[in-house]
N, C-alpha and C. Protein backbone atom coordinates (compact mmCIF):
# COMPACT_ATOMS: atom_id res chain seq x y z
N UNK A 1 -11.06 -40.47 37.47
CA UNK A 1 -10.90 -39.33 36.50
C UNK A 1 -9.89 -39.87 35.39
N UNK A 2 -10.06 -41.04 35.17
CA UNK A 2 -9.17 -41.67 33.96
C UNK A 2 -9.43 -41.11 32.61
N UNK A 3 -10.57 -40.66 32.44
CA UNK A 3 -10.90 -40.18 31.03
C UNK A 3 -10.45 -38.77 30.78
N UNK A 4 -9.86 -38.48 29.76
CA UNK A 4 -9.36 -37.17 29.34
C UNK A 4 -10.36 -36.15 29.34
N UNK A 5 -10.12 -35.04 29.91
CA UNK A 5 -11.22 -34.01 29.95
C UNK A 5 -11.25 -33.27 28.55
N UNK A 6 -10.22 -33.67 27.59
CA UNK A 6 -10.39 -33.26 26.21
C UNK A 6 -11.54 -33.74 25.51
N UNK A 7 -12.16 -34.87 26.13
CA UNK A 7 -13.35 -35.48 25.65
C UNK A 7 -14.61 -34.92 26.36
N UNK A 8 -14.44 -33.84 27.01
CA UNK A 8 -15.45 -33.20 27.84
C UNK A 8 -16.89 -33.05 27.18
N UNK A 9 -16.92 -32.79 25.86
CA UNK A 9 -18.15 -32.55 25.26
C UNK A 9 -18.91 -33.75 25.06
N UNK A 10 -18.22 -34.85 25.15
CA UNK A 10 -18.95 -36.27 25.06
C UNK A 10 -19.51 -36.66 26.34
N UNK A 11 -19.08 -35.96 27.47
CA UNK A 11 -19.54 -36.28 28.93
C UNK A 11 -20.90 -35.38 29.08
N UNK A 12 -21.57 -35.91 29.98
CA UNK A 12 -22.78 -35.20 30.56
C UNK A 12 -22.35 -33.87 31.21
N UNK A 13 -23.13 -32.82 31.12
CA UNK A 13 -22.80 -31.51 31.94
C UNK A 13 -22.55 -31.82 33.38
N UNK A 14 -23.27 -32.80 33.91
CA UNK A 14 -23.25 -33.12 35.39
C UNK A 14 -22.36 -34.31 35.70
N UNK A 15 -21.48 -34.63 34.69
CA UNK A 15 -20.53 -35.76 35.00
C UNK A 15 -19.66 -35.50 36.15
N UNK A 16 -19.65 -36.54 37.07
CA UNK A 16 -18.94 -36.31 38.26
C UNK A 16 -17.54 -35.88 38.28
N UNK A 17 -16.73 -36.36 37.26
CA UNK A 17 -15.37 -35.89 36.99
C UNK A 17 -15.36 -34.33 36.75
N UNK A 18 -16.20 -33.92 35.99
CA UNK A 18 -16.44 -32.40 35.75
C UNK A 18 -16.68 -31.73 37.01
N UNK A 19 -17.61 -32.30 37.77
CA UNK A 19 -18.00 -31.54 39.03
C UNK A 19 -16.91 -31.58 40.03
N UNK A 20 -16.10 -32.56 40.15
CA UNK A 20 -15.01 -32.64 41.06
C UNK A 20 -13.95 -31.62 40.59
N UNK A 21 -13.59 -31.59 39.29
CA UNK A 21 -12.68 -30.50 38.80
C UNK A 21 -13.21 -29.17 39.06
N UNK A 22 -14.46 -28.97 38.92
CA UNK A 22 -15.03 -27.62 39.14
C UNK A 22 -14.88 -27.21 40.50
N UNK A 23 -15.13 -28.20 41.44
CA UNK A 23 -15.04 -28.01 42.94
C UNK A 23 -13.63 -27.58 43.20
N UNK A 24 -12.62 -28.31 42.75
CA UNK A 24 -11.25 -28.06 42.98
C UNK A 24 -10.81 -26.62 42.39
N UNK A 25 -11.14 -26.33 41.25
CA UNK A 25 -10.77 -25.10 40.63
C UNK A 25 -11.47 -23.91 41.39
N UNK A 26 -12.60 -24.10 41.90
CA UNK A 26 -13.28 -22.97 42.68
C UNK A 26 -12.68 -22.73 44.00
N UNK A 27 -12.12 -23.83 44.58
CA UNK A 27 -11.45 -23.80 45.77
C UNK A 27 -10.01 -23.19 45.76
N UNK A 28 -9.29 -23.53 44.77
CA UNK A 28 -7.86 -23.23 44.65
C UNK A 28 -7.44 -22.16 43.75
N UNK A 29 -8.38 -21.66 42.89
CA UNK A 29 -8.09 -20.48 42.00
C UNK A 29 -9.09 -19.40 42.13
N UNK A 30 -8.78 -18.35 41.29
CA UNK A 30 -9.69 -17.23 41.25
C UNK A 30 -10.50 -17.12 40.01
N UNK A 31 -10.62 -18.28 39.37
CA UNK A 31 -11.47 -18.27 38.18
C UNK A 31 -12.90 -18.16 38.48
N UNK A 32 -13.61 -17.64 37.57
CA UNK A 32 -15.13 -17.53 37.80
C UNK A 32 -15.82 -18.90 37.55
N UNK A 33 -16.92 -19.04 38.03
CA UNK A 33 -17.77 -20.10 37.77
C UNK A 33 -18.22 -20.17 36.30
N UNK A 34 -18.39 -18.92 35.73
CA UNK A 34 -18.73 -18.89 34.31
C UNK A 34 -17.62 -19.52 33.48
N UNK A 35 -16.33 -19.18 33.84
CA UNK A 35 -15.21 -19.66 33.09
C UNK A 35 -15.15 -21.17 33.22
N UNK A 36 -15.31 -21.70 34.49
CA UNK A 36 -15.27 -23.08 34.67
C UNK A 36 -16.35 -23.80 33.82
N UNK A 37 -17.58 -23.26 33.82
CA UNK A 37 -18.65 -23.80 33.02
C UNK A 37 -18.30 -23.95 31.59
N UNK A 38 -17.66 -22.94 31.03
CA UNK A 38 -17.28 -22.91 29.67
C UNK A 38 -16.22 -23.91 29.29
N UNK A 39 -15.22 -23.94 30.19
CA UNK A 39 -14.00 -24.76 29.95
C UNK A 39 -14.27 -26.19 29.97
N UNK A 40 -15.18 -26.60 30.91
CA UNK A 40 -15.56 -27.96 31.16
C UNK A 40 -16.73 -28.34 30.46
N UNK A 41 -17.44 -27.51 29.70
CA UNK A 41 -18.61 -27.90 29.06
C UNK A 41 -19.76 -28.27 29.96
N UNK A 42 -20.03 -27.52 31.01
CA UNK A 42 -20.93 -27.67 32.04
C UNK A 42 -22.27 -26.95 31.91
N UNK A 43 -22.28 -26.18 30.75
CA UNK A 43 -23.47 -25.38 30.48
C UNK A 43 -23.33 -23.92 31.18
N UNK A 44 -24.18 -23.62 32.12
CA UNK A 44 -24.11 -22.44 32.75
C UNK A 44 -23.43 -22.42 34.14
N UNK A 45 -23.18 -21.24 34.68
CA UNK A 45 -22.48 -21.19 36.02
C UNK A 45 -23.36 -21.81 37.04
N UNK A 46 -24.62 -21.83 36.90
CA UNK A 46 -25.57 -22.28 37.85
C UNK A 46 -25.27 -23.75 38.04
N UNK A 47 -25.05 -24.50 36.97
CA UNK A 47 -24.64 -25.98 37.05
C UNK A 47 -23.30 -26.16 37.87
N UNK A 48 -22.37 -25.30 37.72
CA UNK A 48 -21.16 -25.26 38.53
C UNK A 48 -21.48 -24.99 39.94
N UNK A 49 -22.18 -23.98 40.20
CA UNK A 49 -22.57 -23.68 41.61
C UNK A 49 -23.15 -24.78 42.25
N UNK A 50 -24.13 -25.48 41.63
CA UNK A 50 -24.83 -26.58 42.26
C UNK A 50 -23.94 -27.80 42.43
N UNK A 51 -22.98 -28.04 41.62
CA UNK A 51 -22.04 -29.05 41.65
C UNK A 51 -21.22 -28.88 42.91
N UNK A 52 -20.71 -27.65 42.93
CA UNK A 52 -19.87 -27.31 44.12
C UNK A 52 -20.57 -27.47 45.46
N UNK A 53 -21.68 -26.92 45.46
CA UNK A 53 -22.65 -27.06 46.78
C UNK A 53 -22.82 -28.54 47.12
N UNK A 54 -23.17 -29.39 46.10
CA UNK A 54 -23.39 -30.74 46.29
C UNK A 54 -22.20 -31.48 46.93
N UNK A 55 -21.03 -31.18 46.28
CA UNK A 55 -19.77 -31.81 46.72
C UNK A 55 -19.45 -31.27 48.21
N UNK A 56 -19.61 -30.03 48.38
CA UNK A 56 -19.31 -29.40 49.71
C UNK A 56 -20.13 -30.08 50.83
N UNK A 57 -21.33 -30.18 50.50
CA UNK A 57 -22.39 -30.73 51.52
C UNK A 57 -22.38 -32.20 51.68
N UNK A 58 -21.72 -32.94 50.79
CA UNK A 58 -21.96 -34.35 50.76
C UNK A 58 -21.15 -35.01 52.08
N UNK A 59 -21.98 -36.00 52.61
CA UNK A 59 -21.45 -36.70 53.77
C UNK A 59 -21.11 -38.06 53.30
N UNK A 60 -21.00 -38.39 51.96
CA UNK A 60 -20.59 -39.65 51.45
C UNK A 60 -19.18 -39.86 51.66
N UNK A 61 -18.79 -41.03 52.29
CA UNK A 61 -17.34 -41.31 52.53
C UNK A 61 -16.46 -41.33 51.13
N UNK A 62 -17.13 -41.99 50.13
CA UNK A 62 -16.33 -41.96 49.01
C UNK A 62 -16.03 -40.58 48.35
N UNK A 63 -17.06 -39.76 48.52
CA UNK A 63 -16.94 -38.32 47.96
C UNK A 63 -15.84 -37.55 48.89
N UNK A 64 -15.89 -37.83 50.16
CA UNK A 64 -14.75 -37.16 51.01
C UNK A 64 -13.40 -37.69 50.64
N UNK A 65 -13.29 -38.97 50.31
CA UNK A 65 -12.02 -39.58 49.88
C UNK A 65 -11.59 -38.92 48.47
N UNK A 66 -12.53 -38.78 47.67
CA UNK A 66 -12.06 -38.14 46.33
C UNK A 66 -11.68 -36.70 46.58
N UNK A 67 -12.35 -35.98 47.36
CA UNK A 67 -11.98 -34.62 47.68
C UNK A 67 -10.54 -34.61 48.31
N UNK A 68 -10.33 -35.43 49.17
CA UNK A 68 -8.99 -35.45 49.92
C UNK A 68 -7.91 -35.83 48.80
N UNK A 69 -8.18 -36.76 47.98
CA UNK A 69 -7.23 -37.09 46.95
C UNK A 69 -6.89 -35.98 46.06
N UNK A 70 -7.92 -35.30 45.61
CA UNK A 70 -7.72 -34.08 44.68
C UNK A 70 -6.92 -33.04 45.37
N UNK A 71 -7.21 -32.79 46.63
CA UNK A 71 -6.47 -31.63 47.30
C UNK A 71 -5.09 -32.17 47.50
N UNK A 72 -4.83 -33.48 47.80
CA UNK A 72 -3.52 -33.91 47.81
C UNK A 72 -2.63 -33.80 46.60
N UNK A 73 -3.37 -34.16 45.39
CA UNK A 73 -2.71 -33.95 44.12
C UNK A 73 -2.37 -32.47 43.94
N UNK A 74 -3.23 -31.55 44.31
CA UNK A 74 -3.04 -30.23 44.08
C UNK A 74 -1.81 -29.72 44.84
N UNK A 75 -1.75 -30.09 46.14
CA UNK A 75 -0.53 -29.82 46.96
C UNK A 75 0.75 -30.30 46.32
N UNK A 76 0.64 -31.41 45.70
CA UNK A 76 1.93 -32.08 45.21
C UNK A 76 2.51 -31.25 44.03
N UNK A 77 1.60 -30.58 43.33
CA UNK A 77 2.12 -29.90 42.13
C UNK A 77 2.31 -28.36 42.45
N UNK A 78 1.99 -28.00 43.68
CA UNK A 78 2.25 -26.61 44.06
C UNK A 78 3.23 -26.48 45.12
């Protein structure tokens, strides 16, 4: 996640960084998937929903590690 999300429009709608942020926002806040899609430039809320499901269901070790790191960062700031 080294690239600034301010450059979000230059990234694909399905960019993994956007998907990871959308997953975290959906887990830790009350914002809607529509809002997430607009703020991250992900197109429609359907894209956000699919990204969240993909991340939640992933058995990939690297994905699990990224999820844990994001949750740890979230805890540190709250």
